[in-house]
């Protein structure tokens, strides 16, 4: 039977996992306001408006970007897709952080999300593998972003024609 899971299933599974990790952290560290961190899937919203709103009002946002893939198989009978995507954790410290600092920083949230995604199983895909994370300083906007690069694989046959 062919694998019928789609990239929407992948991003929905990652979205559910990220929210599960945030909820667990909220229970463990209630003062951290983990439940106030917004989570967006790139394809599901007016992303530009939602990013601006979340960053300006809340100061912390997690965005699950759309996946890309590369076929690793030279056979015409199936696709062995190496799938990659990025989960970004954005913070505007002047809006998000408090004094004394009790809220998690972008680097803490990024590390927590990376731990939660590593090895996580989304039905129809190989377990997720966190490849790396990159810090991006957007000093002119007084923001910082951590990009978490994630990979998985999926083998599927072309649809019958």
N, C-alpha and C. Protein backbone atom coordinates (compact mmCIF):
# COMPACT_ATOMS: atom_id res chain seq x y z
N UNK A 1 0.85 -1.18 0.00
CA UNK A 1 0.00 0.00 0.00
C UNK A 1 0.89 1.24 0.00
N UNK A 2 0.62 2.20 -0.87
CA UNK A 2 1.47 3.39 -0.95
C UNK A 2 1.31 4.28 0.28
N UNK A 3 2.36 5.03 0.56
CA UNK A 3 2.34 5.99 1.66
C UNK A 3 1.53 7.21 1.21
N UNK A 4 0.47 7.52 1.93
CA UNK A 4 -0.42 8.61 1.52
C UNK A 4 -0.28 9.86 2.38
N UNK A 5 0.69 9.86 3.29
CA UNK A 5 0.88 11.02 4.15
C UNK A 5 1.44 12.17 3.30
N UNK A 6 0.98 13.37 3.57
CA UNK A 6 1.37 14.55 2.79
C UNK A 6 2.26 15.47 3.62
N UNK A 7 2.77 16.50 2.96
CA UNK A 7 3.57 17.49 3.69
C UNK A 7 2.70 18.25 4.69
N UNK A 8 1.40 18.37 4.41
CA UNK A 8 0.50 18.97 5.41
C UNK A 8 0.46 18.11 6.67
N UNK A 9 0.45 16.79 6.49
CA UNK A 9 0.48 15.89 7.65
C UNK A 9 1.76 16.10 8.45
N UNK A 10 2.86 16.30 7.74
CA UNK A 10 4.14 16.54 8.41
C UNK A 10 4.11 17.83 9.21
N UNK A 11 3.71 18.93 8.58
CA UNK A 11 3.70 20.21 9.30
C UNK A 11 2.67 20.22 10.43
N UNK A 12 1.54 19.54 10.22
CA UNK A 12 0.56 19.44 11.31
C UNK A 12 1.11 18.63 12.48
N UNK A 13 1.84 17.55 12.18
CA UNK A 13 2.46 16.75 13.24
C UNK A 13 3.52 17.53 14.00
N UNK A 14 4.32 18.29 13.28
CA UNK A 14 5.35 19.12 13.93
C UNK A 14 4.69 20.21 14.77
N UNK A 15 3.65 20.82 14.24
CA UNK A 15 2.92 21.84 14.98
C UNK A 15 2.36 21.27 16.28
N UNK A 16 1.75 20.09 16.20
CA UNK A 16 1.21 19.45 17.42
C UNK A 16 2.33 19.16 18.42
N UNK A 17 3.48 18.69 17.93
CA UNK A 17 4.60 18.39 18.83
C UNK A 17 5.14 19.65 19.48
N UNK A 18 5.30 20.72 18.73
CA UNK A 18 5.80 21.98 19.31
C UNK A 18 4.85 22.46 20.40
N UNK A 19 3.55 22.42 20.14
CA UNK A 19 2.58 22.84 21.15
C UNK A 19 2.59 21.92 22.36
N UNK A 20 2.82 20.63 22.14
CA UNK A 20 2.93 19.66 23.24
C UNK A 20 4.14 19.99 24.12
N UNK A 21 5.26 20.32 23.50
CA UNK A 21 6.48 20.67 24.24
C UNK A 21 6.25 21.96 25.04
N UNK A 22 5.63 22.95 24.43
CA UNK A 22 5.35 24.21 25.14
C UNK A 22 4.43 23.97 26.34
N UNK A 23 3.42 23.13 26.17
CA UNK A 23 2.49 22.84 27.26
C UNK A 23 3.21 22.12 28.40
N UNK A 24 4.10 21.19 28.07
CA UNK A 24 4.86 20.48 29.09
C UNK A 24 5.78 21.44 29.85
N UNK A 25 6.40 22.37 29.14
CA UNK A 25 7.28 23.35 29.79
C UNK A 25 6.47 24.30 30.67
N UNK A 26 5.26 24.64 30.25
CA UNK A 26 4.40 25.50 31.06
C UNK A 26 4.07 24.84 32.38
N UNK A 27 3.81 23.53 32.35
CA UNK A 27 3.55 22.80 33.59
C UNK A 27 4.78 22.74 34.48
N UNK A 28 5.94 22.56 33.86
CA UNK A 28 7.18 22.44 34.63
C UNK A 28 7.64 23.77 35.21
N UNK A 29 7.45 24.84 34.43
CA UNK A 29 7.93 26.18 34.84
C UNK A 29 6.82 27.19 34.60
N UNK A 30 5.81 27.26 35.47
CA UNK A 30 4.66 28.13 35.23
C UNK A 30 5.01 29.61 35.04
N UNK A 31 6.05 30.09 35.71
CA UNK A 31 6.42 31.50 35.59
C UNK A 31 7.01 31.83 34.22
N UNK A 32 7.28 30.82 33.41
CA UNK A 32 7.92 31.04 32.11
C UNK A 32 7.00 31.52 31.01
N UNK A 33 5.68 31.52 31.24
CA UNK A 33 4.72 31.95 30.22
C UNK A 33 4.90 31.23 28.89
N UNK A 34 5.29 29.96 28.91
CA UNK A 34 5.47 29.18 27.70
C UNK A 34 4.18 29.11 26.90
N UNK A 35 3.02 29.17 27.58
CA UNK A 35 1.74 29.08 26.90
C UNK A 35 1.36 30.35 26.14
N UNK A 36 2.13 31.42 26.28
CA UNK A 36 1.86 32.65 25.54
C UNK A 36 2.63 32.72 24.22
N UNK A 37 3.55 31.79 24.00
CA UNK A 37 4.36 31.80 22.79
C UNK A 37 3.49 31.34 21.62
N UNK A 38 3.37 32.18 20.62
CA UNK A 38 2.57 31.85 19.45
C UNK A 38 3.29 30.85 18.55
N UNK A 39 2.52 29.95 17.90
CA UNK A 39 3.07 28.99 16.95
C UNK A 39 2.28 29.12 15.65
N UNK A 40 3.01 29.34 14.56
CA UNK A 40 2.38 29.47 13.24
C UNK A 40 2.96 28.44 12.29
N UNK A 41 2.12 27.97 11.37
CA UNK A 41 2.59 27.17 10.24
C UNK A 41 2.58 28.12 9.05
N UNK A 42 3.68 28.19 8.34
CA UNK A 42 3.86 29.19 7.28
C UNK A 42 2.71 29.25 6.29
N UNK A 43 2.16 28.14 5.92
CA UNK A 43 1.14 28.09 4.87
C UNK A 43 -0.28 28.37 5.36
N UNK A 44 -0.47 28.45 6.65
CA UNK A 44 -1.83 28.45 7.19
C UNK A 44 -2.39 29.83 7.52
N UNK A 45 -1.63 30.87 7.37
CA UNK A 45 -2.08 32.18 7.84
C UNK A 45 -1.60 33.28 6.90
N UNK A 46 -2.07 34.50 7.18
CA UNK A 46 -1.46 35.69 6.60
C UNK A 46 -0.20 35.90 7.43
N UNK A 47 0.87 35.25 7.02
CA UNK A 47 2.07 35.11 7.85
C UNK A 47 2.67 36.46 8.23
N UNK A 48 2.80 37.36 7.28
CA UNK A 48 3.45 38.64 7.57
C UNK A 48 2.71 39.39 8.67
N UNK A 49 1.40 39.48 8.56
CA UNK A 49 0.61 40.18 9.57
C UNK A 49 0.70 39.49 10.92
N UNK A 50 0.58 38.16 10.92
CA UNK A 50 0.61 37.42 12.17
C UNK A 50 1.97 37.51 12.86
N UNK A 51 3.04 37.49 12.08
CA UNK A 51 4.38 37.64 12.66
C UNK A 51 4.51 38.99 13.32
N UNK A 52 4.15 40.03 12.59
CA UNK A 52 4.26 41.39 13.13
C UNK A 52 3.42 41.54 14.40
N UNK A 53 2.20 41.02 14.37
CA UNK A 53 1.32 41.12 15.54
C UNK A 53 1.91 40.38 16.73
N UNK A 54 2.35 39.15 16.52
CA UNK A 54 2.89 38.36 17.63
C UNK A 54 4.16 38.98 18.19
N UNK A 55 5.05 39.40 17.32
CA UNK A 55 6.31 39.98 17.79
C UNK A 55 6.07 41.30 18.52
N UNK A 56 5.18 42.15 18.00
CA UNK A 56 4.93 43.44 18.64
C UNK A 56 4.17 43.31 19.95
N UNK A 57 3.16 42.42 19.99
CA UNK A 57 2.33 42.29 21.19
C UNK A 57 2.92 41.37 22.24
N UNK A 58 3.41 40.20 21.80
CA UNK A 58 3.89 39.18 22.74
C UNK A 58 5.40 39.22 22.87
N UNK A 59 6.09 39.29 21.73
CA UNK A 59 7.55 39.35 21.75
C UNK A 59 8.23 38.02 21.47
N UNK A 60 7.46 36.94 21.32
CA UNK A 60 8.05 35.62 21.05
C UNK A 60 7.12 34.87 20.10
N UNK A 61 7.73 34.20 19.10
CA UNK A 61 6.95 33.47 18.11
C UNK A 61 7.75 32.30 17.59
N UNK A 62 7.06 31.18 17.34
CA UNK A 62 7.67 30.02 16.69
C UNK A 62 6.96 29.83 15.36
N UNK A 63 7.74 29.72 14.28
CA UNK A 63 7.15 29.50 12.96
C UNK A 63 7.70 28.23 12.33
N UNK A 64 6.78 27.39 11.87
CA UNK A 64 7.14 26.14 11.18
C UNK A 64 7.06 26.44 9.69
N UNK A 65 8.21 26.43 9.03
CA UNK A 65 8.27 26.76 7.61
C UNK A 65 7.89 25.56 6.75
N UNK A 66 7.55 25.85 5.52
CA UNK A 66 7.15 24.81 4.57
C UNK A 66 8.33 23.91 4.23
N UNK A 67 8.07 22.60 4.10
CA UNK A 67 9.16 21.66 3.79
C UNK A 67 9.57 21.70 2.32
N UNK A 68 10.82 21.35 2.09
CA UNK A 68 11.38 21.14 0.76
C UNK A 68 11.84 19.69 0.70
N UNK A 69 11.99 19.14 -0.52
CA UNK A 69 12.49 17.76 -0.59
C UNK A 69 13.36 17.57 -1.81
N UNK A 70 14.18 16.55 -1.71
CA UNK A 70 15.07 16.14 -2.80
C UNK A 70 14.93 14.63 -2.95
N UNK A 71 14.70 14.19 -4.19
CA UNK A 71 14.55 12.76 -4.45
C UNK A 71 15.93 12.10 -4.43
N UNK A 72 16.12 11.13 -3.56
CA UNK A 72 17.38 10.42 -3.42
C UNK A 72 17.43 9.16 -4.30
N UNK A 73 16.33 8.88 -5.01
CA UNK A 73 16.22 7.64 -5.77
C UNK A 73 16.23 7.93 -7.26
N UNK A 74 17.00 7.18 -8.00
CA UNK A 74 17.06 7.37 -9.44
C UNK A 74 16.04 6.51 -10.19
N UNK A 75 15.35 5.62 -9.49
CA UNK A 75 14.34 4.78 -10.12
C UNK A 75 13.06 5.57 -10.37
N UNK A 76 12.38 5.25 -11.43
CA UNK A 76 11.14 5.95 -11.76
C UNK A 76 9.94 5.42 -10.99
N UNK A 77 10.10 4.30 -10.30
CA UNK A 77 8.97 3.66 -9.65
C UNK A 77 8.61 4.22 -8.28
N UNK A 78 9.52 4.93 -7.66
CA UNK A 78 9.21 5.50 -6.34
C UNK A 78 10.08 6.72 -6.08
N UNK A 79 9.65 7.48 -5.10
CA UNK A 79 10.41 8.66 -4.68
C UNK A 79 10.91 8.42 -3.27
N UNK A 80 12.20 8.58 -3.08
CA UNK A 80 12.79 8.53 -1.74
C UNK A 80 13.12 9.97 -1.39
N UNK A 81 12.19 10.63 -0.74
CA UNK A 81 12.29 12.06 -0.50
C UNK A 81 13.04 12.36 0.80
N UNK A 82 14.15 13.07 0.67
CA UNK A 82 14.84 13.63 1.83
C UNK A 82 14.21 15.00 2.04
N UNK A 83 13.49 15.14 3.12
CA UNK A 83 12.67 16.33 3.38
C UNK A 83 13.36 17.19 4.43
N UNK A 84 13.41 18.48 4.18
CA UNK A 84 14.00 19.39 5.16
C UNK A 84 13.07 20.59 5.35
N UNK A 85 13.10 21.10 6.56
CA UNK A 85 12.33 22.30 6.87
C UNK A 85 12.99 23.01 8.04
N UNK A 86 12.55 24.22 8.28
CA UNK A 86 13.12 25.04 9.35
C UNK A 86 12.02 25.43 10.32
N UNK A 87 12.33 25.35 11.60
CA UNK A 87 11.47 25.89 12.64
C UNK A 87 12.21 27.10 13.20
N UNK A 88 11.57 28.25 13.12
CA UNK A 88 12.21 29.48 13.60
C UNK A 88 11.61 29.92 14.92
N UNK A 89 12.47 30.34 15.82
CA UNK A 89 12.06 30.90 17.10
C UNK A 89 12.51 32.36 17.08
N UNK A 90 11.55 33.26 17.04
CA UNK A 90 11.86 34.69 16.99
C UNK A 90 11.51 35.37 18.29
N UNK A 91 12.35 36.31 18.67
CA UNK A 91 12.14 37.04 19.92
C UNK A 91 12.47 38.51 19.71
N UNK A 92 11.64 39.36 20.27
CA UNK A 92 11.95 40.78 20.38
C UNK A 92 12.16 41.01 21.88
N UNK A 93 13.43 40.96 22.32
CA UNK A 93 13.72 40.99 23.76
C UNK A 93 13.09 42.16 24.50
N UNK A 94 13.05 43.31 23.88
CA UNK A 94 12.51 44.48 24.58
C UNK A 94 11.03 44.31 24.91
N UNK A 95 10.32 43.50 24.13
CA UNK A 95 8.89 43.24 24.36
C UNK A 95 8.69 42.02 25.25
N UNK A 96 9.44 40.96 25.02
CA UNK A 96 9.22 39.68 25.68
C UNK A 96 9.82 39.60 27.08
N UNK A 97 11.03 40.04 27.23
CA UNK A 97 11.75 39.79 28.50
C UNK A 97 11.27 40.71 29.62
N UNK A 98 11.35 40.17 30.82
CA UNK A 98 10.97 40.94 31.99
C UNK A 98 12.19 41.09 32.91
N UNK A 99 12.03 41.84 33.97
CA UNK A 99 13.14 42.07 34.90
C UNK A 99 12.60 41.85 36.30
N UNK A 100 13.14 40.89 37.08
CA UNK A 100 14.23 39.99 36.71
C UNK A 100 13.75 38.97 35.68
N UNK A 101 14.67 38.46 34.91
CA UNK A 101 14.34 37.58 33.79
C UNK A 101 13.80 36.24 34.29
N UNK A 102 12.49 36.04 34.11
CA UNK A 102 11.87 34.75 34.44
C UNK A 102 11.32 34.07 33.19
N UNK A 103 11.26 34.81 32.08
CA UNK A 103 10.74 34.25 30.84
C UNK A 103 11.88 33.60 30.06
N UNK A 104 11.59 32.53 29.31
CA UNK A 104 12.65 31.88 28.54
C UNK A 104 13.10 32.75 27.36
N UNK A 105 14.38 32.75 27.09
CA UNK A 105 14.91 33.49 25.95
C UNK A 105 14.74 32.66 24.69
N UNK A 106 14.97 33.28 23.53
CA UNK A 106 14.85 32.57 22.26
C UNK A 106 15.78 31.36 22.22
N UNK A 107 16.98 31.50 22.76
CA UNK A 107 17.90 30.36 22.72
C UNK A 107 17.42 29.22 23.59
N UNK A 108 16.80 29.51 24.73
CA UNK A 108 16.25 28.47 25.59
C UNK A 108 15.07 27.77 24.91
N UNK A 109 14.19 28.56 24.30
CA UNK A 109 13.04 27.99 23.60
C UNK A 109 13.51 27.15 22.42
N UNK A 110 14.49 27.66 21.65
CA UNK A 110 15.01 26.91 20.49
C UNK A 110 15.61 25.58 20.93
N UNK A 111 16.39 25.60 22.00
CA UNK A 111 17.00 24.36 22.47
C UNK A 111 15.93 23.38 22.95
N UNK A 112 14.92 23.87 23.62
CA UNK A 112 13.84 23.02 24.11
C UNK A 112 13.05 22.41 22.95
N UNK A 113 12.75 23.22 21.94
CA UNK A 113 12.02 22.73 20.77
C UNK A 113 12.88 21.71 20.01
N UNK A 114 14.18 21.98 19.87
CA UNK A 114 15.07 21.03 19.18
C UNK A 114 15.08 19.68 19.90
N UNK A 115 15.15 19.71 21.21
CA UNK A 115 15.11 18.45 21.99
C UNK A 115 13.80 17.72 21.77
N UNK A 116 12.70 18.47 21.71
CA UNK A 116 11.39 17.85 21.53
C UNK A 116 11.17 17.28 20.14
N UNK A 117 11.84 17.84 19.15
CA UNK A 117 11.66 17.36 17.77
C UNK A 117 12.59 16.19 17.44
N UNK A 118 13.78 16.14 18.06
CA UNK A 118 14.75 15.10 17.74
C UNK A 118 14.15 13.71 17.99
N UNK A 119 14.08 12.90 16.93
CA UNK A 119 13.57 11.54 17.04
C UNK A 119 12.06 11.42 17.07
N UNK A 120 11.35 12.54 17.01
CA UNK A 120 9.89 12.50 17.07
C UNK A 120 9.35 11.84 15.80
N UNK A 121 8.33 11.00 15.98
CA UNK A 121 7.72 10.27 14.85
C UNK A 121 6.44 10.95 14.39
N UNK A 122 6.42 11.32 13.12
CA UNK A 122 5.20 11.77 12.47
C UNK A 122 4.79 10.62 11.55
N UNK A 123 3.58 10.14 11.68
CA UNK A 123 3.12 8.99 10.91
C UNK A 123 3.39 9.18 9.42
N UNK A 124 4.00 8.14 8.83
CA UNK A 124 4.29 8.15 7.40
C UNK A 124 5.67 8.69 7.04
N UNK A 125 6.43 9.14 8.05
CA UNK A 125 7.75 9.72 7.84
C UNK A 125 8.75 9.05 8.77
N UNK A 126 10.02 9.10 8.40
CA UNK A 126 11.08 8.63 9.29
C UNK A 126 11.15 9.57 10.50
N UNK A 127 11.69 9.11 11.65
CA UNK A 127 11.82 10.00 12.81
C UNK A 127 12.57 11.29 12.44
N UNK A 128 12.13 12.39 13.03
CA UNK A 128 12.75 13.68 12.75
C UNK A 128 14.19 13.70 13.25
N UNK A 129 15.03 14.43 12.52
CA UNK A 129 16.43 14.58 12.91
C UNK A 129 16.77 16.06 12.88
N UNK A 130 17.13 16.60 14.03
CA UNK A 130 17.57 18.00 14.10
C UNK A 130 19.00 18.04 13.59
N UNK A 131 19.22 18.79 12.51
CA UNK A 131 20.52 18.85 11.87
C UNK A 131 21.40 19.91 12.52
N UNK A 132 20.86 21.10 12.68
CA UNK A 132 21.63 22.17 13.32
C UNK A 132 20.69 23.32 13.67
N UNK A 133 21.26 24.27 14.36
CA UNK A 133 20.55 25.49 14.71
C UNK A 133 21.45 26.67 14.42
N UNK A 134 20.83 27.77 14.02
CA UNK A 134 21.62 28.94 13.66
C UNK A 134 21.01 30.18 14.29
N UNK A 135 21.85 31.00 14.88
CA UNK A 135 21.41 32.26 15.47
C UNK A 135 21.50 33.36 14.42
N UNK A 136 20.43 34.14 14.30
CA UNK A 136 20.41 35.26 13.37
C UNK A 136 20.06 36.50 14.16
N UNK A 137 20.98 37.46 14.18
CA UNK A 137 20.76 38.71 14.91
C UNK A 137 20.19 39.75 13.96
N UNK A 138 18.99 40.19 14.22
CA UNK A 138 18.36 41.23 13.41
C UNK A 138 18.38 42.53 14.22
N UNK A 139 19.58 43.04 14.47
CA UNK A 139 19.75 44.17 15.38
C UNK A 139 19.01 45.42 14.93
N UNK A 140 18.90 45.66 13.62
CA UNK A 140 18.19 46.86 13.18
C UNK A 140 16.71 46.82 13.56
N UNK A 141 16.14 45.60 13.65
CA UNK A 141 14.75 45.44 14.06
C UNK A 141 14.62 45.12 15.55
N UNK A 142 15.77 45.08 16.25
CA UNK A 142 15.81 44.73 17.67
C UNK A 142 15.16 43.37 17.92
N UNK A 143 15.51 42.41 17.02
CA UNK A 143 14.98 41.06 17.12
C UNK A 143 16.12 40.07 17.00
N UNK A 144 15.84 38.85 17.41
CA UNK A 144 16.77 37.75 17.19
C UNK A 144 15.96 36.51 16.83
N UNK A 145 16.58 35.67 16.02
CA UNK A 145 15.90 34.48 15.53
C UNK A 145 16.85 33.30 15.64
N UNK A 146 16.33 32.17 16.07
CA UNK A 146 17.05 30.91 15.99
C UNK A 146 16.35 30.06 14.93
N UNK A 147 17.11 29.59 13.96
CA UNK A 147 16.60 28.70 12.93
C UNK A 147 17.04 27.27 13.25
N UNK A 148 16.08 26.39 13.41
CA UNK A 148 16.35 24.98 13.70
C UNK A 148 16.10 24.22 12.40
N UNK A 149 17.14 23.61 11.86
CA UNK A 149 17.04 22.86 10.61
C UNK A 149 16.71 21.40 10.94
N UNK A 150 15.64 20.90 10.36
CA UNK A 150 15.15 19.56 10.66
C UNK A 150 15.02 18.77 9.35
N UNK A 151 15.32 17.47 9.43
CA UNK A 151 15.18 16.59 8.27
C UNK A 151 14.40 15.34 8.64
N UNK A 152 13.82 14.75 7.60
CA UNK A 152 13.16 13.45 7.71
C UNK A 152 13.19 12.83 6.32
N UNK A 153 12.66 11.64 6.19
CA UNK A 153 12.57 10.98 4.88
C UNK A 153 11.22 10.33 4.74
N UNK A 154 10.84 10.15 3.48
CA UNK A 154 9.59 9.46 3.17
C UNK A 154 9.75 8.80 1.81
N UNK A 155 9.35 7.57 1.72
CA UNK A 155 9.35 6.85 0.44
C UNK A 155 7.93 6.71 -0.01
N UNK A 156 7.66 7.15 -1.23
CA UNK A 156 6.30 7.02 -1.76
C UNK A 156 6.34 6.78 -3.26
N UNK A 157 5.32 6.08 -3.73
CA UNK A 157 5.22 5.77 -5.15
C UNK A 157 4.43 6.88 -5.83
N UNK A 158 4.72 7.15 -7.09
CA UNK A 158 3.93 8.13 -7.82
C UNK A 158 2.47 7.66 -7.89
N UNK A 159 1.52 8.57 -7.99
CA UNK A 159 0.11 8.15 -8.07
C UNK A 159 -0.15 7.43 -9.39
N UNK A 160 -1.11 6.52 -9.37
CA UNK A 160 -1.43 5.83 -10.63
C UNK A 160 -1.98 6.81 -11.65
N UNK A 161 -1.63 6.61 -12.89
CA UNK A 161 -2.08 7.54 -13.94
C UNK A 161 -3.11 6.87 -14.82
